[in-house]
Amino acid sequence: MSSPTATLSSRAHSWWAQSKSRSQATAAAFIALAMVLVGISAYVWVSPTGAPLRNAVAGAAETITPFAAQNAELKRNLNRATQTIASQKGKMTAMQAQALAAQAGSAKQLAAAQQKALAAQNELASVKTQLAAAQAKGGHSSSGAGASGKPASNSGSSGNGATPVTAPARADLLNPSSRYFGMYTDQAPFNWATFDATSSKIGVSPNLVGYFQGWDQTFRADAVTRSWQQGRMPMMTWESRPINADNSSNSAPDYSLPKIIGGDFDAYLHQYAKDIVATGLPLALRLDHEMNGIWYPWAENDGSGNSINGNNPGDYVKMWRHVHDIFQQEGANNLVIWVWAPNIINNLPASHKAAGYLENLYPGDAYVDWVGLSGYLRPPYKSDNDFSFDYTFKPSLDKLRSITKKPIILAEMGASETDGHKAAWISSFFDSLSKPENSDVIGFSWFNLAVTSYVEGVRATNDWRIDSRPDTLSAFIAGLTRPEDDFTLTPAQ
């Protein structure tokens, strides 16, 4: 069916072409006669023969007097034609405006229809997931969601009425057959430019993408659907503070742990969980990471016994369980993989390295699916740093393994180019992944950015990117493609 706008434009063009042809014929006749009269007059009045010629002209004028009436009529016709042209131009402009308005109205109607269709799809997905949740419900264990039967896959709305996006079953994602390789870039998964450019240099496509969201934001379904459209597991770091909060401050009194526990954010959390259910696709959720440090407002104390952000001992676990329980009520735990991810302990205050401190921040196996770590080769380097995997990660991995047997993901990691140790550190990293004692490490996500910040009062830029130098990139490619490291990745496009 042709569009209403195209039909209207065709008719207007046909009428305009005919009117224009008639007007041009009338104007041409008048102009020809006028040129004859002007030519004769000029010749006569400038001629050196004087009065006799003027007399001849007078006689000629008497002869052509009958044409004066025609001349006047032609002028009137020209004026009418000019007015008609102007009038029809105005009508044409109005017709075009009406056509554009009709087109815009149709677009709005289409958009409204699409929104209604999406809402209906989301409602259907919500009902299905809530039904599954009701069937599987029992206790608080997020890992028990699939106890009544494992689905072959999950599917969700693409957000634009296109073919639904599909993903593996949550149970398969929890215990993958090969390791995850993920990246954080400045815009992914909302824009893949940097992500894909780095993937092309490496030669393989990551199967996980990390990104950050704040508690001043609603759930971004597009982040999840865009990730799974690329065949990548989305891992969202969810920070209980505004997304644009200052990283140098650990104060956010409106988002203190006691306020979250007390229910100030319950409406927000219930809606967030409902939106995850409506999307119908799985994701890993790293809630309030690096809680054993002193730099975030969800930390409990500063290492000297002073409260951070009004928080109390034990509040972190209470907060985690509170959020998890709300998700359980809404059926969202059928789709969420809960990632508890502290920071490596190397540079923490002594009290935060002490036995029992990290254990007291762990919510319990019933509330966690994966445990993780944030760990970097970061200057300034201590004198005993040998720039190895074991120096960076082993003390913290030993802590995790003493707390739980859950799978481990190195959820945020990177290495600085400062002093030229990066390539060797990367080689050590991949060498260590192949060791049997690290078989419980199911993957990692690399922080692929260059960042300028202050460390111990000194302004410094750390280039964490995989392709920061040719030797760094070569070491990374060599490690990632080793068969013994168990990464099964598709070639980059």
Protein backbone atom coordinates (compact mmCIF):
# COMPACT_ATOMS: atom_id res chain seq x y z
CA MET A 1 0.00 0.00 0.00
CA SER A 2 1.37 3.42 -0.92
CA SER A 3 1.74 5.93 1.85
CA PRO A 4 -0.80 8.80 2.20
CA THR A 5 2.02 11.31 1.90
CA ALA A 6 3.30 9.95 -1.42
CA THR A 7 -0.19 10.00 -3.02
CA LEU A 8 -0.89 13.56 -1.92
CA SER A 9 2.45 14.80 -3.24
CA SER A 10 1.84 13.17 -6.67
CA ARG A 11 -1.53 14.85 -7.11
CA ALA A 12 -0.23 18.25 -6.12
CA HIS A 13 2.67 17.98 -8.57
CA SER A 14 0.33 17.13 -11.49
CA TRP A 15 -1.91 20.16 -10.88
CA TRP A 16 1.06 22.46 -10.47
CA ALA A 17 2.63 21.35 -13.74
CA GLN A 18 -0.56 22.23 -15.74
CA SER A 19 -1.04 25.65 -14.10
CA LYS A 20 2.56 26.55 -14.67
CA SER A 21 2.33 25.73 -18.43
CA ARG A 22 -0.69 28.03 -18.99
CA SER A 23 0.90 30.89 -17.07
CA GLN A 24 4.15 30.71 -19.03
CA ALA A 25 2.35 30.88 -22.43
CA THR A 26 0.48 34.07 -21.47
CA ALA A 27 3.63 35.70 -20.13
CA ALA A 28 5.63 34.87 -23.27
CA ALA A 29 3.09 36.55 -25.59
CA PHE A 30 3.07 39.73 -23.59
CA ILE A 31 6.85 39.92 -23.40
CA ALA A 32 7.25 39.50 -27.18
CA LEU A 33 4.86 42.39 -27.96
CA ALA A 34 6.47 44.62 -25.38
CA MET A 35 9.93 44.06 -26.87
CA VAL A 36 8.68 45.10 -30.37
CA LEU A 37 7.24 48.34 -29.04
CA VAL A 38 10.34 49.18 -27.05
CA GLY A 39 12.60 48.53 -30.01
CA ILE A 40 10.64 50.78 -32.35
CA SER A 41 10.45 53.60 -29.81
CA ALA A 42 14.16 53.52 -29.12
CA TYR A 43 15.06 53.59 -32.77
CA VAL A 44 12.80 56.52 -33.54
CA TRP A 45 13.76 58.80 -30.69
CA VAL A 46 17.48 58.43 -31.02
CA SER A 47 17.56 58.49 -34.82
CA PRO A 48 19.55 61.46 -36.34
CA THR A 49 16.92 62.05 -39.05
CA GLY A 50 14.79 64.02 -36.60
CA ALA A 51 11.17 65.02 -36.97
CA PRO A 52 10.21 63.15 -40.16
CA LEU A 53 10.91 59.88 -38.48
CA ARG A 54 9.01 60.95 -35.40
CA ASN A 55 6.08 61.72 -37.66
CA ALA A 56 6.40 58.29 -39.22
CA VAL A 57 6.34 56.76 -35.78
CA ALA A 58 3.23 58.71 -34.95
CA GLY A 59 1.60 57.28 -38.04
CA ALA A 60 2.70 53.81 -37.17
CA ALA A 61 1.32 54.28 -33.70
CA GLU A 62 -2.03 55.14 -35.16
CA THR A 63 -1.79 51.98 -37.28
CA ILE A 64 -1.14 49.70 -34.28
CA THR A 65 -3.67 51.34 -32.00
CA PRO A 66 -6.00 48.33 -32.36
CA PHE A 67 -3.33 46.25 -30.59
CA ALA A 68 -3.45 48.46 -27.47
CA ALA A 69 -6.51 46.71 -26.17
CA GLN A 70 -4.83 43.35 -26.67
CA ASN A 71 -1.75 44.67 -24.86
CA ALA A 72 -3.85 45.73 -21.89
CA GLU A 73 -5.63 42.39 -21.87
CA LEU A 74 -2.29 40.57 -21.90
CA LYS A 75 -1.13 42.64 -18.92
CA ARG A 76 -4.29 41.76 -17.05
CA ASN A 77 -3.78 38.10 -17.92
CA LEU A 78 -0.19 38.27 -16.70
CA ASN A 79 -1.27 39.83 -13.40
CA ARG A 80 -3.97 37.19 -12.94
CA ALA A 81 -1.46 34.44 -13.75
CA THR A 82 1.05 35.85 -11.27
CA GLN A 83 -1.63 35.99 -8.57
CA THR A 84 -2.74 32.44 -9.41
CA ILE A 85 0.83 31.17 -9.16
CA ALA A 86 1.28 32.83 -5.77
CA SER A 87 -2.06 31.44 -4.61
CA GLN A 88 -1.25 27.92 -5.75
CA LYS A 89 2.20 28.08 -4.15
CA GLY A 90 0.46 28.90 -0.89
CA LYS A 91 -1.96 26.02 -1.37
CA MET A 92 0.92 23.71 -2.19
CA THR A 93 2.77 24.73 0.98
CA ALA A 94 -0.37 24.09 2.99
CA MET A 95 -0.86 20.71 1.31
CA GLN A 96 2.74 19.76 2.07
CA ALA A 97 2.32 20.83 5.68
CA GLN A 98 -0.84 18.74 5.94
CA ALA A 99 0.99 15.77 4.44
CA LEU A 100 3.85 16.15 6.92
CA ALA A 101 1.39 16.47 9.76
CA ALA A 102 -0.39 13.32 8.61
CA GLN A 103 2.95 11.53 8.41
CA ALA A 104 3.92 12.67 11.90
CA GLY A 105 0.53 11.60 13.20
CA SER A 106 0.98 8.17 11.64
CA ALA A 107 4.44 7.87 13.18
CA LYS A 108 3.06 8.76 16.60
CA GLN A 109 0.27 6.22 16.19
CA LEU A 110 2.81 3.59 15.15
CA ALA A 111 5.05 4.39 18.11
CA ALA A 112 2.07 4.20 20.46
CA ALA A 113 1.05 0.86 18.99
CA GLN A 114 4.59 -0.46 19.39
CA GLN A 115 4.67 0.68 23.01
CA LYS A 116 1.37 -1.10 23.68
CA ALA A 117 2.66 -4.26 22.03
CA LEU A 118 5.87 -4.11 24.08
CA ALA A 119 3.88 -3.60 27.26
CA ALA A 120 1.76 -6.61 26.42
CA GLN A 121 4.86 -8.72 25.73
CA ASN A 122 6.45 -7.60 28.99
CA GLU A 123 3.26 -8.38 30.90
CA LEU A 124 3.13 -11.85 29.38
CA ALA A 125 6.80 -12.45 30.23
CA SER A 126 6.16 -11.21 33.77
CA VAL A 127 3.24 -13.60 34.25
CA LYS A 128 5.22 -16.55 32.90
CA THR A 129 8.22 -15.81 35.09
CA GLN A 130 6.12 -15.23 38.19
CA LEU A 131 4.39 -18.56 37.54
CA ALA A 132 7.76 -20.27 37.28
CA ALA A 133 8.88 -18.50 40.44
CA ALA A 134 5.80 -19.67 42.30
CA GLN A 135 6.44 -23.25 41.21
CA ALA A 136 10.12 -23.13 42.16
CA LYS A 137 9.73 -21.00 45.29
CA GLY A 138 11.04 -22.42 48.50
CA GLY A 139 13.54 -20.92 50.94
CA HIS A 140 15.91 -18.08 50.07
CA SER A 141 18.45 -19.85 47.89
CA SER A 142 19.03 -18.07 44.62
CA SER A 143 20.77 -21.16 43.33
CA GLY A 144 17.68 -23.28 43.86
CA ALA A 145 15.62 -21.46 41.26
CA GLY A 146 16.00 -24.23 38.72
CA ALA A 147 15.31 -27.13 41.08
CA SER A 148 11.95 -27.96 39.50
CA GLY A 149 13.40 -28.35 36.01
CA LYS A 150 15.98 -26.62 33.85
CA PRO A 151 14.68 -24.71 30.81
CA ALA A 152 16.59 -24.97 27.56
CA SER A 153 16.94 -21.22 27.27
CA ASN A 154 15.57 -17.84 28.28
CA SER A 155 13.96 -15.40 25.89
CA GLY A 156 13.00 -11.77 26.19
CA SER A 157 11.68 -8.84 24.24
CA SER A 158 14.10 -7.10 21.91
CA GLY A 159 12.37 -3.83 22.78
CA ASN A 160 11.34 -3.00 19.20
CA GLY A 161 8.90 -5.72 18.23
CA ALA A 162 11.56 -7.72 16.36
CA THR A 163 12.43 -11.37 16.87
CA PRO A 164 12.79 -12.08 20.63
CA VAL A 165 16.32 -12.20 22.00
CA THR A 166 17.36 -15.55 23.45
CA ALA A 167 19.95 -16.57 26.02
CA PRO A 168 21.20 -19.80 27.61
CA ALA A 169 19.45 -21.13 30.68
CA ARG A 170 20.55 -19.58 33.97
CA ALA A 171 21.72 -22.98 35.24
CA ASP A 172 24.08 -23.30 32.27
CA LEU A 173 25.43 -19.81 32.88
CA LEU A 174 26.06 -20.52 36.56
CA ASN A 175 28.39 -23.42 35.78
CA PRO A 176 29.82 -22.72 32.33
CA SER A 177 31.57 -25.37 30.27
CA SER A 178 34.37 -22.90 29.44
CA ARG A 179 35.63 -19.67 30.96
CA TYR A 180 34.22 -16.17 30.59
CA PHE A 181 36.27 -13.36 29.08
CA GLY A 182 34.68 -9.95 29.56
CA MET A 183 35.58 -6.30 29.16
CA TYR A 184 34.49 -2.95 30.53
CA THR A 185 34.71 -0.12 28.01
CA ASP A 186 33.53 3.47 28.22
CA GLN A 187 30.12 2.90 26.57
CA ALA A 188 29.35 -0.82 26.15
CA PRO A 189 26.78 -2.32 26.00
CA PHE A 190 25.06 0.87 24.85
CA ASN A 191 27.67 1.41 22.14
CA TRP A 192 30.01 -1.32 20.92
CA ALA A 193 32.56 0.82 19.04
CA THR A 194 35.51 0.59 21.49
CA PHE A 195 34.53 -2.90 22.59
CA ASP A 196 34.49 -4.24 19.03
CA ALA A 197 37.65 -2.36 18.02
CA THR A 198 39.59 -3.97 20.88
CA SER A 199 38.05 -7.37 20.14
CA SER A 200 39.26 -7.09 16.54
CA LYS A 201 42.81 -6.46 17.74
CA ILE A 202 42.67 -9.46 20.05
CA GLY A 203 41.09 -11.61 17.35
CA VAL A 204 38.26 -13.08 19.44
CA SER A 205 34.95 -11.78 20.73
CA PRO A 206 34.41 -11.59 24.53
CA ASN A 207 31.45 -13.58 25.84
CA LEU A 208 30.77 -11.22 28.75
CA VAL A 209 30.35 -7.44 29.03
CA GLY A 210 30.60 -5.44 32.24
CA TYR A 211 28.89 -2.13 32.93
CA PHE A 212 27.90 0.11 35.85
CA GLN A 213 24.53 1.43 37.02
CA GLY A 214 23.45 3.57 39.98
CA TRP A 215 20.44 3.58 42.27
CA ASP A 216 19.19 6.81 40.73
CA GLN A 217 18.54 4.88 37.51
CA THR A 218 15.72 2.58 36.50
CA PHE A 219 16.52 -0.84 35.08
CA ARG A 220 18.06 -0.60 31.61
CA ALA A 221 16.46 -3.47 29.72
CA ASP A 222 18.32 -2.37 26.59
CA ALA A 223 21.65 -3.13 28.27
CA VAL A 224 20.60 -6.74 28.75
CA THR A 225 18.95 -7.22 25.37
CA ARG A 226 21.84 -5.56 23.50
CA SER A 227 24.30 -7.81 25.32
CA TRP A 228 22.46 -11.02 24.49
CA GLN A 229 21.94 -9.90 20.89
CA GLN A 230 25.74 -10.11 20.68
CA GLY A 231 25.82 -13.43 22.55
CA ARG A 232 27.39 -11.87 25.66
CA MET A 233 26.50 -12.36 29.29
CA PRO A 234 25.74 -8.93 30.84
CA MET A 235 27.33 -8.33 34.25
CA MET A 236 25.94 -5.22 35.90
CA THR A 237 27.81 -3.57 38.76
CA TRP A 238 24.96 -2.01 40.75
CA GLU A 239 26.09 0.77 43.09
CA SER A 240 23.74 2.01 45.83
CA ARG A 241 24.46 5.67 45.10
CA PRO A 242 23.88 8.00 42.10
CA ILE A 243 25.65 6.90 38.94
CA ASN A 244 27.60 10.17 38.64
CA ALA A 245 28.72 10.26 42.28
CA ASP A 246 32.25 11.44 43.00
CA ASN A 247 34.56 8.43 43.26
CA SER A 248 36.78 10.30 45.70
CA SER A 249 33.98 10.50 48.30
CA ASN A 250 32.55 7.71 50.46
CA SER A 251 29.70 9.86 51.73
CA ALA A 252 26.17 9.45 50.37
CA PRO A 253 23.89 9.90 53.40
CA ASP A 254 20.68 9.47 51.41
CA TYR A 255 21.86 5.97 50.45
CA SER A 256 23.18 4.71 53.78
CA LEU A 257 22.87 1.02 54.55
CA PRO A 258 20.44 1.63 57.47
CA LYS A 259 18.10 3.50 55.12
CA ILE A 260 18.13 0.67 52.60
CA ILE A 261 17.54 -1.91 55.34
CA GLY A 262 14.77 0.27 56.79
CA GLY A 263 12.78 0.20 53.55
CA ASP A 264 13.47 3.64 52.08
CA PHE A 265 14.19 2.05 48.69
CA ASP A 266 11.71 -0.82 48.77
CA ALA A 267 9.41 0.61 46.10
CA TYR A 268 12.39 1.21 43.84
CA LEU A 269 13.74 -2.30 44.43
CA HIS A 270 10.41 -4.01 43.80
CA GLN A 271 9.98 -2.16 40.51
CA TYR A 272 13.55 -2.92 39.49
CA ALA A 273 12.99 -6.62 40.09
CA LYS A 274 9.71 -6.52 38.16
CA ASP A 275 11.47 -4.90 35.21
CA ILE A 276 14.09 -7.65 35.19
CA VAL A 277 11.31 -10.23 35.14
CA ALA A 278 9.54 -8.39 32.32
CA THR A 279 12.72 -8.38 30.24
CA GLY A 280 12.96 -12.14 30.65
CA LEU A 281 16.72 -12.49 30.16
CA PRO A 282 19.45 -13.50 32.64
CA LEU A 283 22.21 -11.25 33.93
CA ALA A 284 24.95 -11.30 36.55
CA LEU A 285 24.48 -8.65 39.24
CA ARG A 286 27.51 -7.42 41.19
CA LEU A 287 25.88 -5.51 44.03
CA ASP A 288 27.96 -2.96 45.99
CA HIS A 289 31.38 -4.37 45.17
CA GLU A 290 34.66 -3.87 47.07
CA MET A 291 32.75 -3.63 50.32
CA ASN A 292 35.90 -4.54 52.31
CA GLY A 293 37.61 -1.32 51.23
CA ILE A 294 37.18 2.15 52.66
CA TRP A 295 36.39 4.17 49.53
CA TYR A 296 32.70 3.45 48.89
CA PRO A 297 29.66 4.64 50.92
CA TRP A 298 28.50 1.05 51.51
CA ALA A 299 31.69 0.19 53.44
CA GLU A 300 31.07 -0.21 57.16
CA ASN A 301 34.14 1.51 58.65
CA ASP A 302 37.36 3.29 57.75
CA GLY A 303 39.76 0.75 59.26
CA SER A 304 40.13 2.75 62.47
CA GLY A 305 36.72 1.95 63.91
CA ASN A 306 34.95 5.03 62.53
CA SER A 307 31.67 4.59 60.69
CA ILE A 308 31.49 5.32 56.97
CA ASN A 309 28.27 6.98 55.78
CA GLY A 310 26.41 6.17 59.01
CA ASN A 311 26.80 2.42 58.55
CA ASN A 312 27.14 -0.10 61.37
CA PRO A 313 28.87 -3.48 61.70
CA GLY A 314 26.67 -6.13 60.12
CA ASP A 315 24.72 -3.67 57.97
CA TYR A 316 26.24 -4.81 54.69
CA VAL A 317 24.98 -8.37 55.05
CA LYS A 318 21.55 -7.12 56.16
CA MET A 319 21.36 -4.84 53.13
CA TRP A 320 22.35 -7.60 50.70
CA ARG A 321 19.80 -10.04 52.09
CA HIS A 322 17.09 -7.38 52.08
CA VAL A 323 17.62 -6.64 48.38
CA HIS A 324 17.90 -10.34 47.53
CA ASP A 325 14.66 -11.13 49.38
CA ILE A 326 12.75 -8.47 47.45
CA PHE A 327 14.01 -9.94 44.18
CA GLN A 328 12.94 -13.38 45.40
CA GLN A 329 9.43 -12.09 46.07
CA GLU A 330 9.17 -10.72 42.53
CA GLY A 331 10.58 -13.83 40.84
CA ALA A 332 13.71 -12.01 39.61
CA ASN A 333 16.11 -14.52 41.16
CA ASN A 334 15.15 -16.92 38.39
CA LEU A 335 17.14 -14.62 36.10
CA VAL A 336 19.79 -13.01 38.34
CA ILE A 337 23.22 -14.44 39.15
CA TRP A 338 24.30 -12.75 42.40
CA VAL A 339 28.00 -11.81 42.44
CA TRP A 340 29.62 -10.93 45.77
CA ALA A 341 32.95 -9.34 44.87
CA PRO A 342 35.33 -7.82 47.46
CA ASN A 343 38.61 -6.11 46.66
CA ILE A 344 41.97 -7.89 46.89
CA ILE A 345 43.30 -7.46 50.40
CA ASN A 346 46.93 -6.50 49.62
CA ASN A 347 46.68 -2.76 50.33
CA LEU A 348 43.78 -2.67 52.78
CA PRO A 349 44.04 -1.40 56.38
CA ALA A 350 45.38 -4.03 58.77
CA SER A 351 42.00 -4.42 60.48
CA HIS A 352 40.39 -5.23 57.12
CA LYS A 353 42.97 -7.93 56.41
CA ALA A 354 42.44 -9.53 59.81
CA ALA A 355 40.85 -12.95 60.17
CA GLY A 356 37.09 -12.74 60.34
CA TYR A 357 36.64 -9.31 58.74
CA LEU A 358 35.86 -10.48 55.21
CA GLU A 359 33.90 -13.45 56.53
CA ASN A 360 31.58 -11.06 58.40
CA LEU A 361 30.75 -9.30 55.13
CA TYR A 362 29.67 -12.48 53.34
CA PRO A 363 25.85 -12.78 53.04
CA GLY A 364 25.92 -16.60 52.96
CA ASP A 365 25.77 -19.27 50.30
CA ALA A 366 21.97 -19.06 50.12
CA TYR A 367 22.27 -15.46 48.92
CA VAL A 368 25.28 -15.65 46.59
CA ASP A 369 25.90 -17.50 43.31
CA TRP A 370 29.45 -16.41 42.43
CA VAL A 371 32.19 -14.79 44.47
CA GLY A 372 34.58 -12.42 42.80
CA LEU A 373 37.50 -10.08 43.21
CA SER A 374 38.63 -6.69 42.00
CA GLY A 375 42.39 -6.77 41.49
CA TYR A 376 44.90 -4.57 39.66
CA LEU A 377 48.61 -4.24 39.06
CA ARG A 378 48.54 -0.68 40.32
CA PRO A 379 51.33 1.73 41.26
CA PRO A 380 52.88 2.74 43.56
CA TYR A 381 54.39 -0.73 43.85
CA LYS A 382 55.61 -2.17 47.13
CA SER A 383 59.21 -3.33 47.33
CA ASP A 384 58.23 -7.01 47.59
CA ASN A 385 55.98 -6.96 44.50
CA ASP A 386 57.27 -9.54 42.02
CA PHE A 387 54.61 -8.62 39.41
CA SER A 388 53.04 -12.05 39.37
CA PHE A 389 49.52 -13.44 39.52
CA ASP A 390 50.19 -15.00 42.91
CA TYR A 391 51.40 -11.74 44.44
CA THR A 392 48.31 -9.90 43.21
CA PHE A 393 45.58 -12.50 43.77
CA LYS A 394 46.65 -15.51 45.85
CA PRO A 395 46.15 -14.10 49.40
CA SER A 396 42.65 -12.97 48.47
CA LEU A 397 41.77 -16.18 46.64
CA ASP A 398 42.84 -18.14 49.71
CA LYS A 399 40.44 -16.00 51.79
CA LEU A 400 37.55 -16.60 49.41
CA ARG A 401 38.14 -20.35 49.33
CA SER A 402 38.12 -20.48 53.11
CA ILE A 403 34.69 -18.78 53.13
CA THR A 404 32.85 -20.66 50.37
CA LYS A 405 33.17 -23.15 47.54
CA LYS A 406 31.22 -20.99 45.12
CA PRO A 407 32.66 -20.41 41.61
CA ILE A 408 35.07 -17.47 41.42
CA ILE A 409 35.09 -14.73 38.81
CA LEU A 410 37.78 -12.05 38.68
CA ALA A 411 35.05 -9.49 38.19
CA GLU A 412 37.20 -6.40 37.61
CA MET A 413 40.90 -6.41 36.84
CA GLY A 414 43.63 -4.65 34.90
CA ALA A 415 47.29 -3.72 34.81
CA SER A 416 49.07 -0.38 34.53
CA GLU A 417 51.83 0.32 32.02
CA THR A 418 53.79 2.27 34.64
CA ASP A 419 57.40 1.00 34.85
CA GLY A 420 56.88 -1.56 32.08
CA HIS A 421 55.75 -4.67 34.02
CA LYS A 422 52.38 -5.13 32.33
CA ALA A 423 53.22 -7.69 29.62
CA ALA A 424 55.05 -9.97 32.07
CA TRP A 425 52.21 -9.67 34.58
CA ILE A 426 49.67 -10.68 31.89
CA SER A 427 51.75 -13.72 30.97
CA SER A 428 51.87 -14.74 34.63
CA PHE A 429 48.12 -14.29 34.87
CA PHE A 430 47.34 -16.69 32.02
CA ASP A 431 50.01 -19.17 33.18
CA SER A 432 48.33 -19.33 36.57
CA LEU A 433 44.83 -19.87 35.17
CA SER A 434 45.97 -23.18 33.72
CA LYS A 435 47.00 -24.52 37.15
CA PRO A 436 44.65 -27.06 38.79
CA GLU A 437 44.32 -24.98 41.96
CA ASN A 438 42.68 -22.22 39.91
CA SER A 439 40.16 -24.42 38.13
CA ASP A 440 37.41 -22.80 40.21
CA VAL A 441 38.10 -19.44 38.50
CA ILE A 442 35.39 -19.38 35.82
CA GLY A 443 36.53 -16.20 34.09
CA PHE A 444 37.52 -12.56 34.31
CA SER A 445 36.44 -9.12 33.10
CA TRP A 446 39.13 -6.63 32.08
CA PHE A 447 38.81 -2.90 32.81
CA ASN A 448 39.75 -1.65 29.35
CA LEU A 449 40.14 2.09 29.95
CA ALA A 450 42.84 4.67 30.64
CA VAL A 451 42.04 6.58 33.83
CA THR A 452 43.59 9.62 35.48
CA SER A 453 43.19 9.75 39.26
CA TYR A 454 44.93 10.62 42.51
CA VAL A 455 46.71 7.80 44.33
CA GLU A 456 48.14 8.71 47.74
CA GLY A 457 47.89 12.38 46.78
CA VAL A 458 49.74 12.01 43.47
CA ARG A 459 47.95 12.58 40.16
CA ALA A 460 48.62 9.72 37.79
CA THR A 461 47.25 8.20 34.60
CA ASN A 462 47.01 4.43 34.49
CA ASP A 463 46.50 2.90 31.08
CA TRP A 464 44.66 -0.33 31.83
CA ARG A 465 43.81 -1.06 28.19
CA ILE A 466 44.62 -4.41 26.63
CA ASP A 467 46.15 -2.72 23.58
CA SER A 468 48.11 -0.06 25.50
CA ARG A 469 51.39 -1.31 23.94
CA PRO A 470 52.20 -3.87 21.23
CA ASP A 471 53.99 -6.20 23.69
CA THR A 472 51.04 -6.02 26.08
CA LEU A 473 48.59 -6.92 23.33
CA SER A 474 50.81 -9.79 22.15
CA ALA A 475 51.04 -11.23 25.67
CA PHE A 476 47.28 -11.02 26.07
CA ILE A 477 46.57 -12.76 22.74
CA ALA A 478 49.08 -15.51 23.50
CA GLY A 479 47.51 -16.20 26.90
CA LEU A 480 43.89 -16.04 25.83
CA THR A 481 44.38 -18.49 22.96
CA ARG A 482 46.17 -21.17 25.02
CA PRO A 483 44.02 -24.34 24.94
CA GLU A 484 44.90 -25.22 28.53
CA ASP A 485 43.31 -21.97 29.79
CA ASP A 486 39.90 -23.18 28.59
CA PHE A 487 38.51 -20.15 26.77
CA THR A 488 36.14 -21.11 23.96
CA LEU A 489 35.55 -17.86 22.10
CA THR A 490 34.30 -16.98 18.64
CA PRO A 491 36.48 -15.05 16.18
CA ALA A 492 35.97 -11.29 16.22
CA GLN A 493 34.03 -9.83 13.31
